Protein backbone atom coordinates (compact mmCIF):
# COMPACT_ATOMS: atom_id res chain seq x y z
CA MET A 1 0.00 0.00 0.00
CA SER A 2 1.20 3.46 -0.74
CA MET A 3 2.03 5.94 1.98
CA MET A 4 -0.77 8.25 0.87
CA THR A 5 -3.38 5.50 1.11
CA MET A 6 -2.24 4.57 4.60
CA MET A 7 -2.41 8.18 5.75
CA MET A 8 -5.88 8.59 4.30
CA GLU A 9 -7.08 5.44 6.08
CA LYS A 10 -5.72 6.69 9.40
CA GLU A 11 -7.46 10.05 8.99
CA TYR A 12 -10.71 8.32 8.05
CA LYS A 13 -10.55 6.10 11.13
CA LYS A 14 -9.81 9.08 13.37
CA LYS A 15 -12.80 10.97 12.04
CA ASN A 16 -15.17 8.05 12.56
CA LEU A 17 -14.13 7.13 16.08
CA ASP A 18 -15.07 8.73 19.40
CA ASP A 19 -12.68 9.30 22.26
CA ASP A 20 -13.79 5.91 23.60
CA GLY A 21 -12.83 4.19 20.35
CA GLU A 22 -16.44 3.52 19.42
CA GLU A 23 -17.96 4.61 16.15
CA GLU A 24 -19.91 7.84 16.34
CA GLU A 25 -23.62 7.78 15.75
CA GLU A 26 -25.08 10.32 13.40
CA ASP A 27 -26.56 13.31 15.15
CA GLU A 28 -30.26 13.59 14.38
CA GLU A 29 -30.10 17.38 14.49
CA ALA A 30 -27.44 17.38 11.78
CA SER A 31 -29.53 15.36 9.35
CA PRO A 32 -30.73 17.12 6.17
CA GLU A 33 -34.39 16.62 7.12
CA ASN A 34 -33.99 18.83 10.20
CA ASN A 35 -31.75 21.43 8.58
CA PRO A 36 -33.52 23.37 5.81
CA LYS A 37 -30.28 24.88 4.51
CA GLN A 38 -28.97 21.42 3.58
CA THR A 39 -32.12 20.50 1.68
CA MET A 40 -32.09 23.64 -0.50
CA ARG A 41 -31.14 22.95 -4.10
CA PRO A 42 -29.81 25.31 -6.73
CA ARG A 43 -32.56 26.79 -8.89
CA TYR A 44 -30.82 28.09 -11.95
CA THR A 45 -28.38 25.28 -12.76
CA GLY A 46 -30.02 24.53 -16.11
CA ALA A 47 -30.12 28.19 -17.14
CA ILE A 48 -26.46 28.69 -16.26
CA CYS A 49 -25.55 25.56 -18.23
CA LEU A 50 -27.42 26.83 -21.30
CA ILE A 51 -25.78 30.26 -21.11
CA VAL A 52 -22.28 28.81 -20.87
CA TYR A 53 -23.04 26.24 -23.58
CA GLY A 54 -24.35 28.99 -25.87
CA TYR A 55 -21.22 31.05 -25.22
CA LEU A 56 -19.05 28.09 -26.24
CA ILE A 57 -21.06 27.56 -29.44
CA ILE A 58 -20.78 31.24 -30.42
CA HIS A 59 -17.03 31.25 -29.87
CA ASN A 60 -16.45 28.08 -31.88
CA ALA A 61 -14.93 26.11 -29.03
CA CYS A 62 -15.37 22.67 -30.56
CA ILE A 63 -13.32 20.79 -27.97
CA HIS A 64 -15.38 22.30 -25.18
CA LEU A 65 -18.59 21.24 -26.90
CA ILE A 66 -17.52 17.64 -26.43
CA PHE A 67 -16.53 17.86 -22.77
CA PHE A 68 -18.94 20.48 -21.46
CA PRO A 69 -22.08 18.27 -21.47
CA ILE A 70 -20.16 15.56 -19.61
CA ILE A 71 -18.98 18.05 -17.00
CA ILE A 72 -22.50 19.44 -16.56
CA ILE A 73 -23.97 15.96 -16.12
CA VAL A 74 -21.40 15.20 -13.42
CA ILE A 75 -22.04 18.51 -11.62
CA VAL A 76 -25.81 18.12 -11.73
CA ARG A 77 -25.62 14.57 -10.41
CA ARG A 78 -23.28 15.64 -7.60
CA LEU A 79 -25.63 18.46 -6.64
CA ASN A 80 -28.45 15.91 -6.67
CA VAL A 81 -30.76 18.26 -8.53
CA GLY A 82 -34.13 16.65 -9.00
CA SER A 83 -37.07 17.49 -11.20
CA VAL A 84 -39.16 20.62 -10.75
CA ASN A 85 -42.05 18.54 -9.41
CA GLU A 86 -40.08 17.62 -6.28
CA HIS A 87 -40.11 21.26 -5.16
CA LEU A 88 -43.87 21.65 -5.47
CA PRO A 89 -46.17 20.72 -2.59
CA LYS A 90 -48.14 17.53 -3.12
CA GLN A 91 -51.79 18.06 -3.99
CA ASP A 92 -54.51 15.73 -2.76
CA ASN A 93 -57.33 15.26 -5.26
């Protein structure tokens, strides 16, 4: 194993252990359900993507046209942006 991997494992173990050596339990107050700031999602991701993509088309950046959609897909998946319907309140009929 490389030195870097060993150091990363040690840091990971330190973060996940209490002073007693037991694994920490997740704090319920820190969960995303109880913290509205963590559940907020970016609103204008799609619009920003279209603006940047349009800029690249106008300026003839052919290489970027290949990689930009891939980068956007990765960013959107990491941000966990869902559909618009998730943000609307559910209606009972």
